[in-house]
Amino acid sequence: MADTSIEWTRNPDGSEGKTWNPTTGCDRVSPGCDHCYALTLAKRLKGMGSAKYQTDGDPRTSGPGFGLAMHHDALRLPMAWRKPQRVFVNSMSDLFHDKVRRDFILQVFAVMAVTPHHTYQVLTKRHARMRSLLSGPEFADDVWALAWQLDGGIAWRRRRWPLPNVWLGVSVEDQKWADIRIPALLDTPAAVRFLSCEPLLGPVDLREWLTEERDVTDPHLDAPLDAVVDGMVRRHDYWIRQSFIRWVICGGESGPGARPMVPDWARSLRDQCSDAGVPFFFKQWGQWAPDGDAPYAPGTPPDNHSMIWCSSKHAAGRELDGRTWDEFPRTAEAVSR
């Protein structure tokens, strides 16, 4: 576990959050993986002799030092941290990769269960396996059985499922992958469901999955308060969808070969979130930034007249339309029933 400068993992007090990598390594599965920062970093760490990055991956989908590896010695690291932290789980891997054994994933969740003072952010591109495992009837029981072994039953006495301190997210780089991954996320038990639209490679319409409200047609004949019918929960004079996206992160790509993010793609996500009351976090422009001196025509591909190449993502900045967007979900409201 290490401090991280990842903006969306910062603690509520503004201090840096943590990364925790009980597994390392991965394989490319969609266009958002094409310029994976972790793949490049793993190659460098292997050359430096880092013990966690000595397993090579398939050169067709992975690379040197980036083969999937499970690290049992890293499992209990969060248990030593007394100060509450936001923790990005597997910044150098994917917890739901096919090569990560179920028993190991159970151990990761057990550690998260016995450290409720931390908030864990779990991001995946393996939506189907995440849904299959976490929705299984025995998964929660197996997690709590392991949690009992870790702390002698202290956390078990206040057990809840889904774990209220675990946020689950999927990567969404374009509309195709939004249509594939988001429904699986919504079918997965989670306290907070979020999207990482980074690198954003195309326009994405999220309105179907943000929030949905329907007026109560007849207060006298309708269901009682807090009733749940077809995934909708009764709130006073309206119904609201119970399972929906509670946070959207947006960002452009950085590094060699980075692909530009059209400004209107980011603006659209921001506006969709604003209309639905969903927190929006703009992480970065990436390697490309809008050219403030050139008009941009919506609907056209980026070119050198609308976007400029920057020396680094830091030079490109984090402002969208003159300000930063650093919104986070309010967890008390986001916990699903």
C-alpha atoms as a PDB file:
ATOM      1  CA  MET A   1       0.000   0.000   0.000  1.00  0.00           C
ATOM      2  CA  ALA A   2       1.312   3.455  -0.842  1.00  0.00           C
ATOM      3  CA  ASP A   3       0.252   7.077  -0.922  1.00  0.00           C
ATOM      4  CA  THR A   4      -1.268   8.043  -4.252  1.00  0.00           C
ATOM      5  CA  SER A   5      -1.711  11.317  -6.075  1.00  0.00           C
ATOM      6  CA  ILE A   6      -4.784   9.993  -7.907  1.00  0.00           C
ATOM      7  CA  GLU A   7      -7.207  12.853  -7.479  1.00  0.00           C
ATOM      8  CA  TRP A   8     -10.385  10.828  -7.038  1.00  0.00           C
ATOM      9  CA  THR A   9      -8.834   8.813  -4.217  1.00  0.00           C
ATOM     10  CA  ARG A  10      -8.025  11.868  -2.084  1.00  0.00           C
ATOM     11  CA  ASN A  11      -9.340  11.793   1.484  1.00  0.00           C
ATOM     12  CA  PRO A  12     -12.142  14.127   2.593  1.00  0.00           C
ATOM     13  CA  ASP A  13      -9.567  16.331   4.356  1.00  0.00           C
ATOM     14  CA  GLY A  14      -7.646  16.780   1.087  1.00  0.00           C
ATOM     15  CA  SER A  15      -4.754  14.504   1.995  1.00  0.00           C
ATOM     16  CA  GLU A  16      -3.541  11.813  -0.377  1.00  0.00           C
ATOM     17  CA  GLY A  17      -5.361   8.500  -0.311  1.00  0.00           C
ATOM     18  CA  LYS A  18      -3.805   5.065  -0.683  1.00  0.00           C
ATOM     19  CA  THR A  19      -3.403   2.331  -3.252  1.00  0.00           C
ATOM     20  CA  TRP A  20      -3.539  -1.318  -2.222  1.00  0.00           C
ATOM     21  CA  ASN A  21      -2.390  -3.967  -4.678  1.00  0.00           C
ATOM     22  CA  PRO A  22      -3.044  -7.485  -3.389  1.00  0.00           C
ATOM     23  CA  THR A  23      -2.747  -8.490  -7.044  1.00  0.00           C
ATOM     24  CA  THR A  24      -0.657  -7.066  -9.863  1.00  0.00           C
ATOM     25  CA  GLY A  25      -0.792  -7.596 -13.593  1.00  0.00           C
ATOM     26  CA  CYS A  26      -3.587  -7.691 -16.119  1.00  0.00           C
ATOM     27  CA  ASP A  27      -4.519  -8.239 -19.785  1.00  0.00           C
ATOM     28  CA  ARG A  28      -5.995  -5.792 -22.274  1.00  0.00           C
ATOM     29  CA  VAL A  29      -9.685  -6.418 -22.970  1.00  0.00           C
ATOM     30  CA  SER A  30     -11.031  -3.249 -24.659  1.00  0.00           C
ATOM     31  CA  PRO A  31      -9.849  -0.029 -26.389  1.00  0.00           C
ATOM     32  CA  GLY A  32      -9.495   1.791 -23.076  1.00  0.00           C
ATOM     33  CA  CYS A  33      -6.586  -0.547 -22.279  1.00  0.00           C
ATOM     34  CA  ASP A  34      -4.552   0.288 -25.376  1.00  0.00           C
ATOM     35  CA  HIS A  35      -2.184   2.719 -23.627  1.00  0.00           C
ATOM     36  CA  CYS A  36      -2.382   1.290 -20.115  1.00  0.00           C
ATOM     37  CA  TYR A  37      -0.219   3.243 -17.668  1.00  0.00           C
ATOM     38  CA  ALA A  38       0.136   0.186 -15.409  1.00  0.00           C
ATOM     39  CA  LEU A  39       1.540  -1.940 -18.242  1.00  0.00           C
ATOM     40  CA  THR A  40       4.257   0.629 -18.906  1.00  0.00           C
ATOM     41  CA  LEU A  41       5.016   1.078 -15.219  1.00  0.00           C
ATOM     42  CA  ALA A  42       5.214  -2.667 -14.580  1.00  0.00           C
ATOM     43  CA  LYS A  43       7.910  -3.050 -17.249  1.00  0.00           C
ATOM     44  CA  ARG A  44       9.966  -0.366 -15.543  1.00  0.00           C
ATOM     45  CA  LEU A  45       9.447  -1.875 -12.079  1.00  0.00           C
ATOM     46  CA  LYS A  46      10.513  -5.292 -13.370  1.00  0.00           C
ATOM     47  CA  GLY A  47      13.739  -3.743 -14.638  1.00  0.00           C
ATOM     48  CA  MET A  48      14.316  -2.158 -11.247  1.00  0.00           C
ATOM     49  CA  GLY A  49      14.043  -5.588  -9.626  1.00  0.00           C
ATOM     50  CA  SER A  50      10.730  -5.068  -7.816  1.00  0.00           C
ATOM     51  CA  ALA A  51       9.673  -8.470  -6.474  1.00  0.00           C
ATOM     52  CA  LYS A  52       5.975  -7.951  -7.241  1.00  0.00           C
ATOM     53  CA  TYR A  53       6.645  -7.407 -10.951  1.00  0.00           C
ATOM     54  CA  GLN A  54       8.719 -10.422 -12.010  1.00  0.00           C
ATOM     55  CA  THR A  55       5.849 -12.349 -13.635  1.00  0.00           C
ATOM     56  CA  ASP A  56       5.629 -11.720 -17.367  1.00  0.00           C
ATOM     57  CA  GLY A  57       2.296 -11.620 -19.152  1.00  0.00           C
ATOM     58  CA  ASP A  58       1.155 -12.791 -22.573  1.00  0.00           C
ATOM     59  CA  PRO A  59       2.856 -10.400 -25.029  1.00  0.00           C
ATOM     60  CA  ARG A  60      -0.343 -10.226 -27.082  1.00  0.00           C
ATOM     61  CA  THR A  61      -2.371  -8.715 -24.248  1.00  0.00           C
ATOM     62  CA  SER A  62       0.071  -7.925 -21.445  1.00  0.00           C
ATOM     63  CA  GLY A  63       3.834  -7.545 -21.139  1.00  0.00           C
ATOM     64  CA  PRO A  64       7.009  -7.803 -19.053  1.00  0.00           C
ATOM     65  CA  GLY A  65       6.321  -7.761 -15.317  1.00  0.00           C
ATOM     66  CA  PHE A  66       2.593  -7.502 -15.925  1.00  0.00           C
ATOM     67  CA  GLY A  67       1.491 -11.095 -15.672  1.00  0.00           C
ATOM     68  CA  LEU A  68      -1.249 -11.682 -13.105  1.00  0.00           C
ATOM     69  CA  ALA A  69       0.212 -12.377  -9.653  1.00  0.00           C
ATOM     70  CA  MET A  70      -1.475 -12.696  -6.242  1.00  0.00           C
ATOM     71  CA  HIS A  71       0.388 -11.332  -3.233  1.00  0.00           C
ATOM     72  CA  HIS A  72      -0.694 -12.956   0.019  1.00  0.00           C
ATOM     73  CA  ASP A  73       1.784 -10.858   1.975  1.00  0.00           C
ATOM     74  CA  ALA A  74      -0.100  -7.709   0.949  1.00  0.00           C
ATOM     75  CA  LEU A  75      -3.545  -8.856   2.052  1.00  0.00           C
ATOM     76  CA  ARG A  76      -3.525  -7.526   5.618  1.00  0.00           C
ATOM     77  CA  LEU A  77      -1.808  -4.214   4.991  1.00  0.00           C
ATOM     78  CA  PRO A  78      -4.965  -2.061   5.467  1.00  0.00           C
ATOM     79  CA  MET A  79      -5.514  -3.591   8.911  1.00  0.00           C
ATOM     80  CA  ALA A  80      -2.443  -1.750  10.203  1.00  0.00           C
ATOM     81  CA  TRP A  81      -3.791   1.663   9.238  1.00  0.00           C
ATOM     82  CA  ARG A  82      -5.635   3.421  12.049  1.00  0.00           C
ATOM     83  CA  LYS A  83      -6.394   6.670  10.229  1.00  0.00           C
ATOM     84  CA  PRO A  84      -9.404   6.356   7.882  1.00  0.00           C
ATOM     85  CA  GLN A  85      -8.315   6.309   4.259  1.00  0.00           C
ATOM     86  CA  ARG A  86      -9.796   6.214   0.803  1.00  0.00           C
ATOM     87  CA  VAL A  87      -8.132   3.230  -0.815  1.00  0.00           C
ATOM     88  CA  PHE A  88      -7.967   2.447  -4.531  1.00  0.00           C
ATOM     89  CA  VAL A  89      -7.885  -1.352  -4.728  1.00  0.00           C
ATOM     90  CA  ASN A  90      -5.608  -2.776  -7.421  1.00  0.00           C
ATOM     91  CA  SER A  91      -4.403   0.322  -9.206  1.00  0.00           C
ATOM     92  CA  MET A  92      -2.003  -2.090 -10.969  1.00  0.00           C
ATOM     93  CA  SER A  93      -4.444  -4.897 -11.719  1.00  0.00           C
ATOM     94  CA  ASP A  94      -8.092  -5.956 -11.881  1.00  0.00           C
ATOM     95  CA  LEU A  95      -9.484  -7.799  -8.856  1.00  0.00           C
ATOM     96  CA  PHE A  96     -11.963  -9.721 -11.019  1.00  0.00           C
ATOM     97  CA  HIS A  97      -9.431 -10.940 -13.585  1.00  0.00           C
ATOM     98  CA  ASP A  98     -10.131 -14.591 -14.477  1.00  0.00           C
ATOM     99  CA  LYS A  99      -6.804 -15.680 -12.988  1.00  0.00           C
ATOM    100  CA  VAL A 100      -7.570 -14.269  -9.538  1.00  0.00           C
ATOM    101  CA  ARG A 101      -8.969 -17.206  -7.567  1.00  0.00           C
ATOM    102  CA  ARG A 102     -12.317 -16.883  -5.823  1.00  0.00           C
ATOM    103  CA  ASP A 103     -10.764 -17.710  -2.451  1.00  0.00           C
ATOM    104  CA  PHE A 104      -8.312 -14.839  -2.871  1.00  0.00           C
ATOM    105  CA  ILE A 105     -11.083 -12.379  -3.775  1.00  0.00           C
ATOM    106  CA  LEU A 106     -12.936 -13.540  -0.653  1.00  0.00           C
ATOM    107  CA  GLN A 107      -9.874 -12.713   1.431  1.00  0.00           C
ATOM    108  CA  VAL A 108      -9.690  -9.218  -0.079  1.00  0.00           C
ATOM    109  CA  PHE A 109     -13.335  -8.614   0.792  1.00  0.00           C
ATOM    110  CA  ALA A 110     -12.829 -10.025   4.285  1.00  0.00           C
ATOM    111  CA  VAL A 111     -10.056  -7.500   4.941  1.00  0.00           C
ATOM    112  CA  MET A 112     -12.338  -4.721   3.693  1.00  0.00           C
ATOM    113  CA  ALA A 113     -15.086  -6.018   5.998  1.00  0.00           C
ATOM    114  CA  VAL A 114     -12.909  -5.817   9.127  1.00  0.00           C
ATOM    115  CA  THR A 115     -11.625  -2.328   8.293  1.00  0.00           C
ATOM    116  CA  PRO A 116     -14.873  -0.334   8.078  1.00  0.00           C
ATOM    117  CA  HIS A 117     -13.030   2.913   8.857  1.00  0.00           C
ATOM    118  CA  HIS A 118     -11.505   2.803   5.363  1.00  0.00           C
ATOM    119  CA  THR A 119     -13.410   3.447   2.126  1.00  0.00           C
ATOM    120  CA  TYR A 120     -12.416   1.145  -0.731  1.00  0.00           C
ATOM    121  CA  GLN A 121     -12.747   1.960  -4.433  1.00  0.00           C
ATOM    122  CA  VAL A 122     -12.816  -1.176  -6.605  1.00  0.00           C
ATOM    123  CA  LEU A 123     -12.720  -0.530 -10.356  1.00  0.00           C
ATOM    124  CA  THR A 124     -13.010  -3.292 -12.955  1.00  0.00           C
ATOM    125  CA  LYS A 125     -13.406  -4.036 -16.636  1.00  0.00           C
ATOM    126  CA  ARG A 126     -14.474  -7.622 -15.762  1.00  0.00           C
ATOM    127  CA  HIS A 127     -18.107  -6.720 -15.142  1.00  0.00           C
ATOM    128  CA  ALA A 128     -19.513 -10.199 -15.730  1.00  0.00           C
ATOM    129  CA  ARG A 129     -17.290 -11.948 -13.203  1.00  0.00           C
ATOM    130  CA  MET A 130     -17.866  -9.222 -10.633  1.00  0.00           C
ATOM    131  CA  ARG A 131     -21.628  -9.640 -10.960  1.00  0.00           C
ATOM    132  CA  SER A 132     -21.465 -13.436 -10.894  1.00  0.00           C
ATOM    133  CA  LEU A 133     -19.287 -13.638  -7.787  1.00  0.00           C
ATOM    134  CA  LEU A 134     -20.813 -10.879  -5.676  1.00  0.00           C
ATOM    135  CA  SER A 135     -24.385 -11.849  -6.484  1.00  0.00           C
ATOM    136  CA  GLY A 136     -23.842 -15.482  -5.576  1.00  0.00           C
ATOM    137  CA  PRO A 137     -25.816 -16.672  -2.544  1.00  0.00           C
ATOM    138  CA  GLU A 138     -22.733 -17.923  -0.677  1.00  0.00           C
ATOM    139  CA  PHE A 139     -20.286 -15.108  -1.341  1.00  0.00           C
ATOM    140  CA  ALA A 140     -21.328 -12.831   1.534  1.00  0.00           C
ATOM    141  CA  ASP A 141     -21.438 -15.733   4.011  1.00  0.00           C
ATOM    142  CA  ASP A 142     -17.949 -16.828   2.958  1.00  0.00           C
ATOM    143  CA  VAL A 143     -16.625 -13.266   3.338  1.00  0.00           C
ATOM    144  CA  TRP A 144     -17.985 -12.977   6.877  1.00  0.00           C
ATOM    145  CA  ALA A 145     -16.631 -16.396   7.845  1.00  0.00           C
ATOM    146  CA  LEU A 146     -13.147 -15.245   6.849  1.00  0.00           C
ATOM    147  CA  ALA A 147     -13.685 -11.883   8.537  1.00  0.00           C
ATOM    148  CA  TRP A 148     -14.416 -13.715  11.815  1.00  0.00           C
ATOM    149  CA  GLN A 149     -11.043 -15.439  11.550  1.00  0.00           C
ATOM    150  CA  LEU A 150      -9.320 -12.084  11.043  1.00  0.00           C
ATOM    151  CA  ASP A 151     -10.758 -10.154  14.003  1.00  0.00           C
ATOM    152  CA  GLY A 152     -12.477 -12.699  16.229  1.00  0.00           C
ATOM    153  CA  GLY A 153     -15.983 -11.691  15.241  1.00  0.00           C
ATOM    154  CA  ILE A 154     -15.800  -7.973  16.026  1.00  0.00           C
ATOM    155  CA  ALA A 155     -16.913  -6.887  12.545  1.00  0.00           C
ATOM    156  CA  TRP A 156     -19.277  -9.866  12.205  1.00  0.00           C
ATOM    157  CA  ARG A 157     -21.516  -8.448  14.942  1.00  0.00           C
ATOM    158  CA  ARG A 158     -22.326  -5.451  12.754  1.00  0.00           C
ATOM    159  CA  ARG A 159     -22.257  -7.332   9.446  1.00  0.00           C
ATOM    160  CA  ARG A 160     -24.053  -5.892   6.437  1.00  0.00           C
ATOM    161  CA  TRP A 161     -24.161  -6.774   2.779  1.00  0.00           C
ATOM    162  CA  PRO A 162     -23.185  -5.156   0.532  1.00  0.00           C
ATOM    163  CA  LEU A 163     -20.247  -3.826   2.538  1.00  0.00           C
ATOM    164  CA  PRO A 164     -21.073  -0.148   3.191  1.00  0.00           C
ATOM    165  CA  ASN A 165     -17.430   0.930   2.836  1.00  0.00           C
ATOM    166  CA  VAL A 166     -16.852  -0.612  -0.608  1.00  0.00           C
ATOM    167  CA  TRP A 167     -17.566   1.344  -3.773  1.00  0.00           C
ATOM    168  CA  LEU A 168     -17.784  -0.694  -6.989  1.00  0.00           C
ATOM    169  CA  GLY A 169     -17.121   0.821 -10.388  1.00  0.00           C
ATOM    170  CA  VAL A 170     -16.663  -0.128 -14.020  1.00  0.00           C
ATOM    171  CA  SER A 171     -14.587   1.522 -16.736  1.00  0.00           C
ATOM    172  CA  VAL A 172     -16.567   3.136 -19.540  1.00  0.00           C
ATOM    173  CA  GLU A 173     -14.547   4.511 -22.437  1.00  0.00           C
ATOM    174  CA  ASP A 174     -17.338   4.827 -25.014  1.00  0.00           C
ATOM    175  CA  GLN A 175     -21.009   4.057 -25.585  1.00  0.00           C
ATOM    176  CA  LYS A 176     -20.414   0.441 -26.570  1.00  0.00           C
ATOM    177  CA  TRP A 177     -18.790  -0.377 -23.250  1.00  0.00           C
ATOM    178  CA  ALA A 178     -21.299   1.685 -21.322  1.00  0.00           C
ATOM    179  CA  ASP A 179     -24.080  -0.457 -22.776  1.00  0.00           C
ATOM    180  CA  ILE A 180     -22.199  -3.638 -21.850  1.00  0.00           C
ATOM    181  CA  ARG A 181     -20.722  -2.889 -18.430  1.00  0.00           C
ATOM    182  CA  ILE A 182     -23.218  -0.608 -16.698  1.00  0.00           C
ATOM    183  CA  PRO A 183     -26.162  -3.052 -16.601  1.00  0.00           C
ATOM    184  CA  ALA A 184     -23.887  -5.637 -14.970  1.00  0.00           C
ATOM    185  CA  LEU A 185     -22.777  -3.085 -12.375  1.00  0.00           C
ATOM    186  CA  LEU A 186     -26.390  -2.231 -11.576  1.00  0.00           C
ATOM    187  CA  ASP A 187     -27.114  -5.931 -11.070  1.00  0.00           C
ATOM    188  CA  THR A 188     -24.268  -6.225  -8.540  1.00  0.00           C
ATOM    189  CA  PRO A 189     -24.834  -5.558  -4.818  1.00  0.00           C
ATOM    190  CA  ALA A 190     -22.915  -2.387  -3.921  1.00  0.00           C
ATOM    191  CA  ALA A 191     -23.099   0.469  -1.451  1.00  0.00           C
ATOM    192  CA  VAL A 192     -21.927   2.929  -4.101  1.00  0.00           C
ATOM    193  CA  ARG A 193     -21.779   2.300  -7.829  1.00  0.00           C
ATOM    194  CA  PHE A 194     -19.532   4.532  -9.920  1.00  0.00           C
ATOM    195  CA  LEU A 195     -18.167   4.930 -13.425  1.00  0.00           C
ATOM    196  CA  SER A 196     -14.661   5.796 -14.562  1.00  0.00           C
ATOM    197  CA  CYS A 197     -15.018   7.334 -18.009  1.00  0.00           C
ATOM    198  CA  GLU A 198     -11.278   7.500 -18.503  1.00  0.00           C
ATOM    199  CA  PRO A 199      -9.836   7.523 -21.029  1.00  0.00           C
ATOM    200  CA  LEU A 200     -12.982   8.933 -22.589  1.00  0.00           C
ATOM    201  CA  LEU A 201     -12.776   7.923 -26.254  1.00  0.00           C
ATOM    202  CA  GLY A 202     -16.221   8.913 -27.476  1.00  0.00           C
ATOM    203  CA  PRO A 203     -19.525  10.505 -26.485  1.00  0.00           C
ATOM    204  CA  VAL A 204     -21.510   8.590 -23.866  1.00  0.00           C
ATOM    205  CA  ASP A 205     -25.178   8.948 -22.968  1.00  0.00           C
ATOM    206  CA  LEU A 206     -25.646   7.856 -19.347  1.00  0.00           C
ATOM    207  CA  ARG A 207     -29.109   9.250 -18.708  1.00  0.00           C
ATOM    208  CA  GLU A 208     -30.736   5.822 -18.652  1.00  0.00           C
ATOM    209  CA  TRP A 209     -28.557   4.751 -15.702  1.00  0.00           C
ATOM    210  CA  LEU A 210     -28.226   7.840 -13.567  1.00  0.00           C
ATOM    211  CA  THR A 211     -31.469   8.394 -11.724  1.00  0.00           C
ATOM    212  CA  GLU A 212     -35.123   7.944 -12.450  1.00  0.00           C
ATOM    213  CA  GLU A 213     -38.076   9.508 -10.683  1.00  0.00           C
ATOM    214  CA  ARG A 214     -41.775   8.890 -11.191  1.00  0.00           C
ATOM    215  CA  ASP A 215     -44.637  10.720  -9.568  1.00  0.00           C
ATOM    216  CA  VAL A 216     -46.899   8.800  -7.216  1.00  0.00           C
ATOM    217  CA  THR A 217     -50.143   8.531  -9.147  1.00  0.00           C
ATOM    218  CA  ASP A 218     -52.507   8.252  -6.188  1.00  0.00           C
ATOM    219  CA  PRO A 219     -51.223   8.610  -2.609  1.00  0.00           C
ATOM    220  CA  HIS A 220     -54.217   6.690  -1.268  1.00  0.00           C
ATOM    221  CA  LEU A 221     -53.931   3.688  -3.576  1.00  0.00           C
ATOM    222  CA  ASP A 222     -50.181   3.574  -4.096  1.00  0.00           C
ATOM    223  CA  ALA A 223     -47.679   1.532  -2.041  1.00  0.00           C
ATOM    224  CA  PRO A 224     -46.616   2.720   1.432  1.00  0.00           C
ATOM    225  CA  LEU A 225     -43.500   4.793   2.074  1.00  0.00           C
ATOM    226  CA  ASP A 226     -40.205   2.945   1.525  1.00  0.00           C
ATOM    227  CA  ALA A 227     -41.935   0.144  -0.372  1.00  0.00           C
ATOM    228  CA  VAL A 228     -39.842  -1.375  -3.172  1.00  0.00           C
ATOM    229  CA  VAL A 229     -41.575  -2.357  -6.411  1.00  0.00           C
ATOM    230  CA  ASP A 230     -39.737  -3.307  -9.617  1.00  0.00           C
ATOM    231  CA  GLY A 231     -36.513  -1.695  -8.417  1.00  0.00           C
ATOM    232  CA  MET A 232     -38.215   1.590  -7.477  1.00  0.00           C
ATOM    233  CA  VAL A 233     -38.535   2.812  -3.875  1.00  0.00           C
ATOM    234  CA  ARG A 234     -41.408   5.023  -2.653  1.00  0.00           C
ATOM    235  CA  ARG A 235     -40.327   8.441  -1.306  1.00  0.00           C
ATOM    236  CA  HIS A 236     -43.197  10.694  -0.222  1.00  0.00           C
ATOM    237  CA  ASP A 237     -44.850  11.854  -3.477  1.00  0.00           C
ATOM    238  CA  TYR A 238     -42.444  10.187  -5.908  1.00  0.00           C
ATOM    239  CA  TRP A 239     -40.722   6.901  -6.738  1.00  0.00           C
ATOM    240  CA  ILE A 240     -36.946   6.779  -7.255  1.00  0.00           C
ATOM    241  CA  ARG A 241     -34.885   3.991  -8.786  1.00  0.00           C
ATOM    242  CA  GLN A 242     -33.117   2.011  -6.113  1.00  0.00           C
ATOM    243  CA  SER A 243     -30.066   0.896  -8.096  1.00  0.00           C
ATOM    244  CA  PHE A 244     -28.353   3.587 -10.110  1.00  0.00           C
ATOM    245  CA  ILE A 245     -24.996   5.262 -10.681  1.00  0.00           C
ATOM    246  CA  ARG A 246     -23.945   7.492  -7.796  1.00  0.00           C
ATOM    247  CA  TRP A 247     -20.683   8.950  -9.141  1.00  0.00           C
ATOM    248  CA  VAL A 248     -19.076   9.637 -12.519  1.00  0.00           C
ATOM    249  CA  ILE A 249     -15.362  10.242 -13.076  1.00  0.00           C
ATOM    250  CA  CYS A 250     -14.228  11.668 -16.416  1.00  0.00           C
ATOM    251  CA  GLY A 251     -10.754  12.092 -17.849  1.00  0.00           C
ATOM    252  CA  GLY A 252      -8.622  12.165 -20.950  1.00  0.00           C
ATOM    253  CA  GLU A 253      -5.707   9.926 -21.850  1.00  0.00           C
ATOM    254  CA  SER A 254      -2.079  10.761 -21.087  1.00  0.00           C
ATOM    255  CA  GLY A 255       1.273   9.339 -22.101  1.00  0.00           C
ATOM    256  CA  PRO A 256       2.794   8.403 -25.482  1.00  0.00           C
ATOM    257  CA  GLY A 257       0.220   7.908 -28.216  1.00  0.00           C
ATOM    258  CA  ALA A 258      -2.579   9.448 -26.126  1.00  0.00           C
ATOM    259  CA  ARG A 259      -5.868   9.961 -27.929  1.00  0.00           C
ATOM    260  CA  PRO A 260      -7.605  13.350 -27.576  1.00  0.00           C
ATOM    261  CA  MET A 261     -10.829  13.769 -25.618  1.00  0.00           C
ATOM    262  CA  VAL A 262     -13.293  16.072 -27.362  1.00  0.00           C
ATOM    263  CA  PRO A 263     -14.341  18.818 -24.914  1.00  0.00           C
ATOM    264  CA  ASP A 264     -18.038  18.357 -25.639  1.00  0.00           C
ATOM    265  CA  TRP A 265     -17.835  14.703 -24.575  1.00  0.00           C
ATOM    266  CA  ALA A 266     -16.736  15.807 -21.109  1.00  0.00           C
ATOM    267  CA  ARG A 267     -19.243  18.669 -21.000  1.00  0.00           C
ATOM    268  CA  SER A 268     -22.049  16.304 -21.878  1.00  0.00           C
ATOM    269  CA  LEU A 269     -21.198  13.958 -19.002  1.00  0.00           C
ATOM    270  CA  ARG A 270     -21.004  16.882 -16.617  1.00  0.00           C
ATOM    271  CA  ASP A 271     -24.386  18.198 -17.732  1.00  0.00           C
ATOM    272  CA  GLN A 272     -26.031  14.772 -17.556  1.00  0.00           C
ATOM    273  CA  CYS A 273     -24.764  14.372 -14.001  1.00  0.00           C
ATOM    274  CA  SER A 274     -25.880  17.857 -13.042  1.00  0.00           C
ATOM    275  CA  ASP A 275     -29.379  17.240 -14.376  1.00  0.00           C
ATOM    276  CA  ALA A 276     -29.626  13.963 -12.432  1.00  0.00           C
ATOM    277  CA  GLY A 277     -28.040  15.245  -9.226  1.00  0.00           C
ATOM    278  CA  VAL A 278     -25.112  12.814  -9.545  1.00  0.00           C
ATOM    279  CA  PRO A 279     -21.639  13.947  -8.376  1.00  0.00           C
ATOM    280  CA  PHE A 280     -19.200  14.558 -11.233  1.00  0.00           C
ATOM    281  CA  PHE A 281     -15.405  14.407 -10.970  1.00  0.00           C
ATOM    282  CA  PHE A 282     -13.252  15.782 -13.785  1.00  0.00           C
ATOM    283  CA  LYS A 283      -9.837  14.173 -13.331  1.00  0.00           C
ATOM    284  CA  GLN A 284      -7.767  15.562 -16.185  1.00  0.00           C
ATOM    285  CA  TRP A 285      -7.578  16.558 -19.833  1.00  0.00           C
ATOM    286  CA  GLY A 286      -4.661  14.195 -20.288  1.00  0.00           C
ATOM    287  CA  GLN A 287      -2.035  14.837 -22.925  1.00  0.00           C
ATOM    288  CA  TRP A 288      -4.351  17.014 -25.017  1.00  0.00           C
ATOM    289  CA  ALA A 289      -6.086  20.216 -23.916  1.00  0.00           C
ATOM    290  CA  PRO A 290      -8.561  22.528 -25.649  1.00  0.00           C
ATOM    291  CA  ASP A 291      -7.048  25.391 -27.599  1.00  0.00           C
ATOM    292  CA  GLY A 292      -8.636  28.375 -25.952  1.00  0.00           C
ATOM    293  CA  ASP A 293      -7.937  30.585 -28.972  1.00  0.00           C
ATOM    294  CA  ALA A 294      -9.730  28.385 -31.484  1.00  0.00           C
ATOM    295  CA  PRO A 295     -13.497  27.772 -31.724  1.00  0.00           C
ATOM    296  CA  TYR A 296     -14.587  24.177 -31.499  1.00  0.00           C
ATOM    297  CA  ALA A 297     -17.394  22.816 -33.650  1.00  0.00           C
ATOM    298  CA  PRO A 298     -19.422  20.186 -31.763  1.00  0.00           C
ATOM    299  CA  GLY A 299     -19.685  16.859 -33.524  1.00  0.00           C
ATOM    300  CA  THR A 300     -16.385  17.095 -35.392  1.00  0.00           C
ATOM    301  CA  PRO A 301     -13.279  15.058 -34.586  1.00  0.00           C
ATOM    302  CA  PRO A 302     -10.503  16.824 -32.673  1.00  0.00           C
ATOM    303  CA  ASP A 303      -7.736  18.360 -34.732  1.00  0.00           C
ATOM    304  CA  ASN A 304      -4.835  20.707 -34.192  1.00  0.00           C
ATOM    305  CA  HIS A 305      -7.128  23.715 -34.397  1.00  0.00           C
ATOM    306  CA  SER A 306      -9.304  22.634 -31.475  1.00  0.00           C
ATOM    307  CA  MET A 307      -6.886  20.617 -29.308  1.00  0.00           C
ATOM    308  CA  ILE A 308      -3.238  21.153 -28.493  1.00  0.00           C
ATOM    309  CA  TRP A 309      -0.611  18.620 -27.383  1.00  0.00           C
ATOM    310  CA  CYS A 310       0.786  19.415 -23.949  1.00  0.00           C
ATOM    311  CA  SER A 311       4.104  18.458 -22.425  1.00  0.00           C
ATOM    312  CA  SER A 312       2.309  16.590 -19.620  1.00  0.00           C
ATOM    313  CA  LYS A 313      -1.105  16.000 -18.108  1.00  0.00           C
ATOM    314  CA  HIS A 314      -0.197  18.533 -15.439  1.00  0.00           C
ATOM    315  CA  ALA A 315       0.418  21.165 -18.101  1.00  0.00           C
ATOM    316  CA  ALA A 316      -2.968  20.385 -19.668  1.00  0.00           C
ATOM    317  CA  GLY A 317      -4.638  20.937 -16.306  1.00  0.00           C
ATOM    318  CA  ARG A 318      -7.890  19.833 -14.687  1.00  0.00           C
ATOM    319  CA  GLU A 319     -10.237  22.721 -15.374  1.00  0.00           C
ATOM    320  CA  LEU A 320     -13.373  22.242 -17.425  1.00  0.00           C
ATOM    321  CA  ASP A 321     -14.976  25.521 -18.498  1.00  0.00           C
ATOM    322  CA  GLY A 322     -12.937  27.568 -16.085  1.00  0.00           C
ATOM    323  CA  ARG A 323     -13.195  25.494 -12.900  1.00  0.00           C
ATOM    324  CA  THR A 324     -12.373  22.151 -11.347  1.00  0.00           C
ATOM    325  CA  TRP A 325     -15.047  19.534 -10.660  1.00  0.00           C
ATOM    326  CA  ASP A 326     -14.179  17.517  -7.564  1.00  0.00           C
ATOM    327  CA  GLU A 327     -17.522  16.136  -6.453  1.00  0.00           C
ATOM    328  CA  PHE A 328     -17.807  12.915  -4.436  1.00  0.00           C
ATOM    329  CA  PRO A 329     -20.827  10.755  -3.576  1.00  0.00           C
ATOM    330  CA  ARG A 330     -22.584  11.267  -0.275  1.00  0.00           C
ATOM    331  CA  THR A 331     -22.318   7.744   0.999  1.00  0.00           C
ATOM    332  CA  ALA A 332     -25.210   7.842   3.466  1.00  0.00           C
ATOM    333  CA  GLU A 333     -27.556   8.554   0.577  1.00  0.00           C
ATOM    334  CA  ALA A 334     -25.890   6.119  -1.774  1.00  0.00           C
ATOM    335  CA  VAL A 335     -26.094   2.933   0.255  1.00  0.00           C
ATOM    336  CA  SER A 336     -28.533   0.571  -1.451  1.00  0.00           C
ATOM    337  CA  ARG A 337     -31.056  -1.451   0.460  1.00  0.00           C
END
